[in-house]
Amino acid sequence: MTLQKQPNQFIKYSNLFFQMAVIIGFSAWGGNKLDSYFKNNTPVFTIILSLLGIAAALYIVLKDFIGKKK
């Protein structure tokens, strides 16, 4: 009889944190690059892509939480 180890909760949640940080950071960086490329006075692309990054990160986290409960 083999015992399967449960993944450490700290590792699981820190992985989710890094996924969120990468998604939000990359989208904000991309928006900043687009704003500097188009020479916008207001950071329109940074705001839009940051909000889309936050929405994508929340979707991934919620999908993971809801999927685990089934």
PDB file of N, CA and C in Angstrom:
ATOM      1  N   MET A   1       0.852  -1.173   0.000  1.00  0.00           N
ATOM      2  CA  MET A   1       0.000   0.000   0.000  1.00  0.00           C
ATOM      3  C   MET A   1       0.900   1.240   0.000  1.00  0.00           C
ATOM      4  N   THR A   2       0.776   2.041  -1.024  1.00  0.00           N
ATOM      5  CA  THR A   2       1.583   3.261  -1.105  1.00  0.00           C
ATOM      6  C   THR A   2       0.750   4.454  -0.677  1.00  0.00           C
ATOM      7  N   LEU A   3       1.389   5.315   0.047  1.00  0.00           N
ATOM      8  CA  LEU A   3       0.737   6.539   0.476  1.00  0.00           C
ATOM      9  C   LEU A   3       1.086   7.658  -0.481  1.00  0.00           C
ATOM     10  N   GLN A   4       0.076   8.323  -0.964  1.00  0.00           N
ATOM     11  CA  GLN A   4       0.326   9.465  -1.841  1.00  0.00           C
ATOM     12  C   GLN A   4       0.425  10.710  -0.991  1.00  0.00           C
ATOM     13  N   LYS A   5       1.466  11.460  -1.220  1.00  0.00           N
ATOM     14  CA  LYS A   5       1.644  12.679  -0.449  1.00  0.00           C
ATOM     15  C   LYS A   5       0.768  13.786  -1.018  1.00  0.00           C
ATOM     16  N   GLN A   6       0.165  14.516  -0.128  1.00  0.00           N
ATOM     17  CA  GLN A   6      -0.581  15.696  -0.520  1.00  0.00           C
ATOM     18  C   GLN A   6       0.422  16.820  -0.775  1.00  0.00           C
ATOM     19  N   PRO A   7       0.225  17.605  -1.824  1.00  0.00           N
ATOM     20  CA  PRO A   7       1.150  18.719  -2.026  1.00  0.00           C
ATOM     21  C   PRO A   7       1.033  19.722  -0.881  1.00  0.00           C
ATOM     22  N   ASN A   8       2.148  20.291  -0.534  1.00  0.00           N
ATOM     23  CA  ASN A   8       2.180  21.259   0.542  1.00  0.00           C
ATOM     24  C   ASN A   8       1.316  22.465   0.167  1.00  0.00           C
ATOM     25  N   GLN A   9       0.445  22.882   1.068  1.00  0.00           N
ATOM     26  CA  GLN A   9      -0.463  23.996   0.792  1.00  0.00           C
ATOM     27  C   GLN A   9       0.304  25.292   0.530  1.00  0.00           C
ATOM     28  N   PHE A  10       1.405  25.490   1.237  1.00  0.00           N
ATOM     29  CA  PHE A  10       2.201  26.699   1.040  1.00  0.00           C
ATOM     30  C   PHE A  10       2.751  26.760  -0.374  1.00  0.00           C
ATOM     31  N   ILE A  11       3.227  25.639  -0.881  1.00  0.00           N
ATOM     32  CA  ILE A  11       3.781  25.600  -2.237  1.00  0.00           C
ATOM     33  C   ILE A  11       2.683  25.864  -3.263  1.00  0.00           C
ATOM     34  N   LYS A  12       1.510  25.288  -3.037  1.00  0.00           N
ATOM     35  CA  LYS A  12       0.401  25.461  -3.972  1.00  0.00           C
ATOM     36  C   LYS A  12      -0.022  26.924  -4.055  1.00  0.00           C
ATOM     37  N   TYR A  13      -0.169  27.579  -2.907  1.00  0.00           N
ATOM     38  CA  TYR A  13      -0.627  28.956  -2.917  1.00  0.00           C
ATOM     39  C   TYR A  13       0.463  29.925  -3.344  1.00  0.00           C
ATOM     40  N   SER A  14       1.713  29.604  -3.063  1.00  0.00           N
ATOM     41  CA  SER A  14       2.777  30.479  -3.545  1.00  0.00           C
ATOM     42  C   SER A  14       2.907  30.369  -5.059  1.00  0.00           C
ATOM     43  N   ASN A  15       2.630  29.203  -5.610  1.00  0.00           N
ATOM     44  CA  ASN A  15       2.621  29.043  -7.056  1.00  0.00           C
ATOM     45  C   ASN A  15       1.519  29.897  -7.681  1.00  0.00           C
ATOM     46  N   LEU A  16       0.353  29.910  -7.060  1.00  0.00           N
ATOM     47  CA  LEU A  16      -0.732  30.757  -7.555  1.00  0.00           C
ATOM     48  C   LEU A  16      -0.352  32.231  -7.480  1.00  0.00           C
ATOM     49  N   PHE A  17       0.326  32.626  -6.402  1.00  0.00           N
ATOM     50  CA  PHE A  17       0.770  34.005  -6.265  1.00  0.00           C
ATOM     51  C   PHE A  17       1.722  34.386  -7.392  1.00  0.00           C
ATOM     52  N   PHE A  18       2.684  33.524  -7.689  1.00  0.00           N
ATOM     53  CA  PHE A  18       3.643  33.833  -8.751  1.00  0.00           C
ATOM     54  C   PHE A  18       2.983  33.850 -10.122  1.00  0.00           C
ATOM     55  N   GLN A  19       2.000  32.989 -10.340  1.00  0.00           N
ATOM     56  CA  GLN A  19       1.260  33.027 -11.603  1.00  0.00           C
ATOM     57  C   GLN A  19       0.539  34.356 -11.763  1.00  0.00           C
ATOM     58  N   MET A  20      -0.123  34.789 -10.685  1.00  0.00           N
ATOM     59  CA  MET A  20      -0.830  36.070 -10.740  1.00  0.00           C
ATOM     60  C   MET A  20       0.143  37.220 -10.962  1.00  0.00           C
ATOM     61  N   ALA A  21       1.262  37.200 -10.261  1.00  0.00           N
ATOM     62  CA  ALA A  21       2.240  38.281 -10.390  1.00  0.00           C
ATOM     63  C   ALA A  21       2.799  38.355 -11.805  1.00  0.00           C
ATOM     64  N   VAL A  22       3.071  37.213 -12.407  1.00  0.00           N
ATOM     65  CA  VAL A  22       3.620  37.207 -13.762  1.00  0.00           C
ATOM     66  C   VAL A  22       2.586  37.713 -14.767  1.00  0.00           C
ATOM     67  N   ILE A  23       1.357  37.262 -14.642  1.00  0.00           N
ATOM     68  CA  ILE A  23       0.314  37.678 -15.584  1.00  0.00           C
ATOM     69  C   ILE A  23       0.065  39.180 -15.479  1.00  0.00           C
ATOM     70  N   ILE A  24      -0.113  39.683 -14.269  1.00  0.00           N
ATOM     71  CA  ILE A  24      -0.388  41.112 -14.082  1.00  0.00           C
ATOM     72  C   ILE A  24       0.830  41.950 -14.465  1.00  0.00           C
ATOM     73  N   GLY A  25       2.006  41.508 -14.060  1.00  0.00           N
ATOM     74  CA  GLY A  25       3.214  42.254 -14.386  1.00  0.00           C
ATOM     75  C   GLY A  25       3.483  42.302 -15.873  1.00  0.00           C
ATOM     76  N   PHE A  26       3.313  41.175 -16.555  1.00  0.00           N
ATOM     77  CA  PHE A  26       3.557  41.146 -17.999  1.00  0.00           C
ATOM     78  C   PHE A  26       2.553  42.010 -18.747  1.00  0.00           C
ATOM     79  N   SER A  27       1.288  41.992 -18.326  1.00  0.00           N
ATOM     80  CA  SER A  27       0.287  42.805 -19.015  1.00  0.00           C
ATOM     81  C   SER A  27       0.526  44.298 -18.770  1.00  0.00           C
ATOM     82  N   ALA A  28       0.922  44.669 -17.560  1.00  0.00           N
ATOM     83  CA  ALA A  28       1.234  46.077 -17.278  1.00  0.00           C
ATOM     84  C   ALA A  28       2.476  46.518 -18.051  1.00  0.00           C
ATOM     85  N   TRP A  29       3.486  45.654 -18.127  1.00  0.00           N
ATOM     86  CA  TRP A  29       4.694  45.968 -18.887  1.00  0.00           C
ATOM     87  C   TRP A  29       4.372  46.150 -20.375  1.00  0.00           C
ATOM     88  N   GLY A  30       3.543  45.253 -20.906  1.00  0.00           N
ATOM     89  CA  GLY A  30       3.139  45.365 -22.310  1.00  0.00           C
ATOM     90  C   GLY A  30       2.347  46.636 -22.579  1.00  0.00           C
ATOM     91  N   GLY A  31       1.456  46.989 -21.658  1.00  0.00           N
ATOM     92  CA  GLY A  31       0.709  48.235 -21.811  1.00  0.00           C
ATOM     93  C   GLY A  31       1.608  49.448 -21.764  1.00  0.00           C
ATOM     94  N   ASN A  32       2.594  49.413 -20.891  1.00  0.00           N
ATOM     95  CA  ASN A  32       3.547  50.515 -20.796  1.00  0.00           C
ATOM     96  C   ASN A  32       4.352  50.643 -22.090  1.00  0.00           C
ATOM     97  N   LYS A  33       4.784  49.523 -22.650  1.00  0.00           N
ATOM     98  CA  LYS A  33       5.524  49.545 -23.912  1.00  0.00           C
ATOM     99  C   LYS A  33       4.656  50.083 -25.043  1.00  0.00           C
ATOM    100  N   LEU A  34       3.395  49.689 -25.085  1.00  0.00           N
ATOM    101  CA  LEU A  34       2.493  50.202 -26.126  1.00  0.00           C
ATOM    102  C   LEU A  34       2.265  51.700 -25.975  1.00  0.00           C
ATOM    103  N   ASP A  35       2.107  52.168 -24.739  1.00  0.00           N
ATOM    104  CA  ASP A  35       1.925  53.603 -24.519  1.00  0.00           C
ATOM    105  C   ASP A  35       3.155  54.396 -24.945  1.00  0.00           C
ATOM    106  N   SER A  36       4.336  53.866 -24.675  1.00  0.00           N
ATOM    107  CA  SER A  36       5.541  54.591 -25.091  1.00  0.00           C
ATOM    108  C   SER A  36       5.738  54.512 -26.602  1.00  0.00           C
ATOM    109  N   TYR A  37       5.330  53.413 -27.222  1.00  0.00           N
ATOM    110  CA  TYR A  37       5.450  53.281 -28.677  1.00  0.00           C
ATOM    111  C   TYR A  37       4.528  54.263 -29.396  1.00  0.00           C
ATOM    112  N   PHE A  38       3.275  54.385 -28.917  1.00  0.00           N
ATOM    113  CA  PHE A  38       2.318  55.293 -29.537  1.00  0.00           C
ATOM    114  C   PHE A  38       2.402  56.703 -28.972  1.00  0.00           C
ATOM    115  N   LYS A  39       3.296  56.928 -28.003  1.00  0.00           N
ATOM    116  CA  LYS A  39       3.532  58.241 -27.394  1.00  0.00           C
ATOM    117  C   LYS A  39       2.239  58.864 -26.846  1.00  0.00           C
ATOM    118  N   ASN A  40       1.512  58.062 -26.074  1.00  0.00           N
ATOM    119  CA  ASN A  40       0.274  58.530 -25.455  1.00  0.00           C
ATOM    120  C   ASN A  40       0.589  59.387 -24.233  1.00  0.00           C
ATOM    121  N   ASN A  41      -0.154  60.482 -24.078  1.00  0.00           N
ATOM    122  CA  ASN A  41       0.002  61.310 -22.876  1.00  0.00           C
ATOM    123  C   ASN A  41      -0.643  60.651 -21.660  1.00  0.00           C
ATOM    124  N   THR A  42      -1.733  59.955 -21.885  1.00  0.00           N
ATOM    125  CA  THR A  42      -2.392  59.221 -20.802  1.00  0.00           C
ATOM    126  C   THR A  42      -2.118  57.726 -21.011  1.00  0.00           C
ATOM    127  N   PRO A  43      -1.870  56.998 -19.946  1.00  0.00           N
ATOM    128  CA  PRO A  43      -1.501  55.574 -20.082  1.00  0.00           C
ATOM    129  C   PRO A  43      -2.707  54.672 -20.349  1.00  0.00           C
ATOM    130  N   VAL A  44      -3.316  54.832 -21.493  1.00  0.00           N
ATOM    131  CA  VAL A  44      -4.536  54.088 -21.822  1.00  0.00           C
ATOM    132  C   VAL A  44      -4.258  52.589 -21.916  1.00  0.00           C
ATOM    133  N   PHE A  45      -3.230  52.220 -22.670  1.00  0.00           N
ATOM    134  CA  PHE A  45      -2.930  50.799 -22.842  1.00  0.00           C
ATOM    135  C   PHE A  45      -2.486  50.152 -21.532  1.00  0.00           C
ATOM    136  N   THR A  46      -1.760  50.893 -20.722  1.00  0.00           N
ATOM    137  CA  THR A  46      -1.323  50.348 -19.437  1.00  0.00           C
ATOM    138  C   THR A  46      -2.523  50.052 -18.550  1.00  0.00           C
ATOM    139  N   ILE A  47      -3.460  50.957 -18.508  1.00  0.00           N
ATOM    140  CA  ILE A  47      -4.658  50.753 -17.679  1.00  0.00           C
ATOM    141  C   ILE A  47      -5.481  49.587 -18.195  1.00  0.00           C
ATOM    142  N   ILE A  48      -5.726  49.561 -19.497  1.00  0.00           N
ATOM    143  CA  ILE A  48      -6.575  48.509 -20.070  1.00  0.00           C
ATOM    144  C   ILE A  48      -5.926  47.138 -19.915  1.00  0.00           C
ATOM    145  N   LEU A  49      -4.647  47.038 -20.273  1.00  0.00           N
ATOM    146  CA  LEU A  49      -3.995  45.735 -20.183  1.00  0.00           C
ATOM    147  C   LEU A  49      -3.780  45.301 -18.734  1.00  0.00           C
ATOM    148  N   SER A  50      -3.576  46.243 -17.826  1.00  0.00           N
ATOM    149  CA  SER A  50      -3.458  45.879 -16.414  1.00  0.00           C
ATOM    150  C   SER A  50      -4.770  45.309 -15.896  1.00  0.00           C
ATOM    151  N   LEU A  51      -5.872  45.933 -16.244  1.00  0.00           N
ATOM    152  CA  LEU A  51      -7.179  45.422 -15.815  1.00  0.00           C
ATOM    153  C   LEU A  51      -7.481  44.064 -16.440  1.00  0.00           C
ATOM    154  N   LEU A  52      -7.116  43.888 -17.710  1.00  0.00           N
ATOM    155  CA  LEU A  52      -7.308  42.586 -18.338  1.00  0.00           C
ATOM    156  C   LEU A  52      -6.411  41.526 -17.692  1.00  0.00           C
ATOM    157  N   GLY A  53      -5.211  41.915 -17.297  1.00  0.00           N
ATOM    158  CA  GLY A  53      -4.318  40.993 -16.611  1.00  0.00           C
ATOM    159  C   GLY A  53      -4.860  40.583 -15.254  1.00  0.00           C
ATOM    160  N   ILE A  54      -5.421  41.537 -14.528  1.00  0.00           N
ATOM    161  CA  ILE A  54      -6.031  41.223 -13.235  1.00  0.00           C
ATOM    162  C   ILE A  54      -7.212  40.273 -13.423  1.00  0.00           C
ATOM    163  N   ALA A  55      -8.036  40.542 -14.447  1.00  0.00           N
ATOM    164  CA  ALA A  55      -9.180  39.666 -14.708  1.00  0.00           C
ATOM    165  C   ALA A  55      -8.714  38.264 -15.087  1.00  0.00           C
ATOM    166  N   ALA A  56      -7.676  38.156 -15.903  1.00  0.00           N
ATOM    167  CA  ALA A  56      -7.160  36.837 -16.296  1.00  0.00           C
ATOM    168  C   ALA A  56      -6.572  36.102 -15.096  1.00  0.00           C
ATOM    169  N   ALA A  57      -5.854  36.812 -14.246  1.00  0.00           N
ATOM    170  CA  ALA A  57      -5.267  36.179 -13.062  1.00  0.00           C
ATOM    171  C   ALA A  57      -6.354  35.703 -12.110  1.00  0.00           C
ATOM    172  N   LEU A  58      -7.375  36.503 -11.906  1.00  0.00           N
ATOM    173  CA  LEU A  58      -8.481  36.078 -11.037  1.00  0.00           C
ATOM    174  C   LEU A  58      -9.219  34.883 -11.623  1.00  0.00           C
ATOM    175  N   TYR A  59      -9.376  34.859 -12.939  1.00  0.00           N
ATOM    176  CA  TYR A  59     -10.028  33.724 -13.584  1.00  0.00           C
ATOM    177  C   TYR A  59      -9.242  32.442 -13.340  1.00  0.00           C
ATOM    178  N   ILE A  60      -7.932  32.513 -13.489  1.00  0.00           N
ATOM    179  CA  ILE A  60      -7.100  31.326 -13.280  1.00  0.00           C
ATOM    180  C   ILE A  60      -7.179  30.852 -11.837  1.00  0.00           C
ATOM    181  N   VAL A  61      -7.120  31.784 -10.894  1.00  0.00           N
ATOM    182  CA  VAL A  61      -7.178  31.405  -9.476  1.00  0.00           C
ATOM    183  C   VAL A  61      -8.545  30.828  -9.128  1.00  0.00           C
ATOM    184  N   LEU A  62      -9.599  31.478  -9.571  1.00  0.00           N
ATOM    185  CA  LEU A  62     -10.947  30.968  -9.266  1.00  0.00           C
ATOM    186  C   LEU A  62     -11.198  29.630  -9.932  1.00  0.00           C
ATOM    187  N   LYS A  63     -10.705  29.448 -11.140  1.00  0.00           N
ATOM    188  CA  LYS A  63     -10.854  28.163 -11.819  1.00  0.00           C
ATOM    189  C   LYS A  63     -10.142  27.060 -11.032  1.00  0.00           C
ATOM    190  N   ASP A  64      -8.983  27.396 -10.472  1.00  0.00           N
ATOM    191  CA  ASP A  64      -8.251  26.412  -9.677  1.00  0.00           C
ATOM    192  C   ASP A  64      -9.000  26.082  -8.394  1.00  0.00           C
ATOM    193  N   PHE A  65      -9.539  27.095  -7.707  1.00  0.00           N
ATOM    194  CA  PHE A  65     -10.270  26.844  -6.463  1.00  0.00           C
ATOM    195  C   PHE A  65     -11.556  26.081  -6.705  1.00  0.00           C
ATOM    196  N   ILE A  66     -12.305  26.452  -7.724  1.00  0.00           N
ATOM    197  CA  ILE A  66     -13.570  25.784  -7.988  1.00  0.00           C
ATOM    198  C   ILE A  66     -13.334  24.362  -8.495  1.00  0.00           C
ATOM    199  N   GLY A  67     -12.297  24.179  -9.300  1.00  0.00           N
ATOM    200  CA  GLY A  67     -11.992  22.851  -9.823  1.00  0.00           C
ATOM    201  C   GLY A  67     -11.578  21.870  -8.745  1.00  0.00           C
ATOM    202  N   LYS A  68     -10.959  22.350  -7.679  1.00  0.00           N
ATOM    203  CA  LYS A  68     -10.514  21.471  -6.596  1.00  0.00           C
ATOM    204  C   LYS A  68     -11.667  20.966  -5.753  1.00  0.00           C
ATOM    205  N   LYS A  69     -12.779  21.723  -5.709  1.00  0.00           N
ATOM    206  CA  LYS A  69     -13.908  21.345  -4.848  1.00  0.00           C
ATOM    207  C   LYS A  69     -14.765  20.253  -5.466  1.00  0.00           C
ATOM    208  N   LYS A  70     -14.638  20.031  -6.759  1.00  0.00           N
ATOM    209  CA  LYS A  70     -15.480  19.024  -7.404  1.00  0.00           C
ATOM    210  C   LYS A  70     -14.992  17.637  -7.115  1.00  0.00           C
TER     211      LYS A  70
END
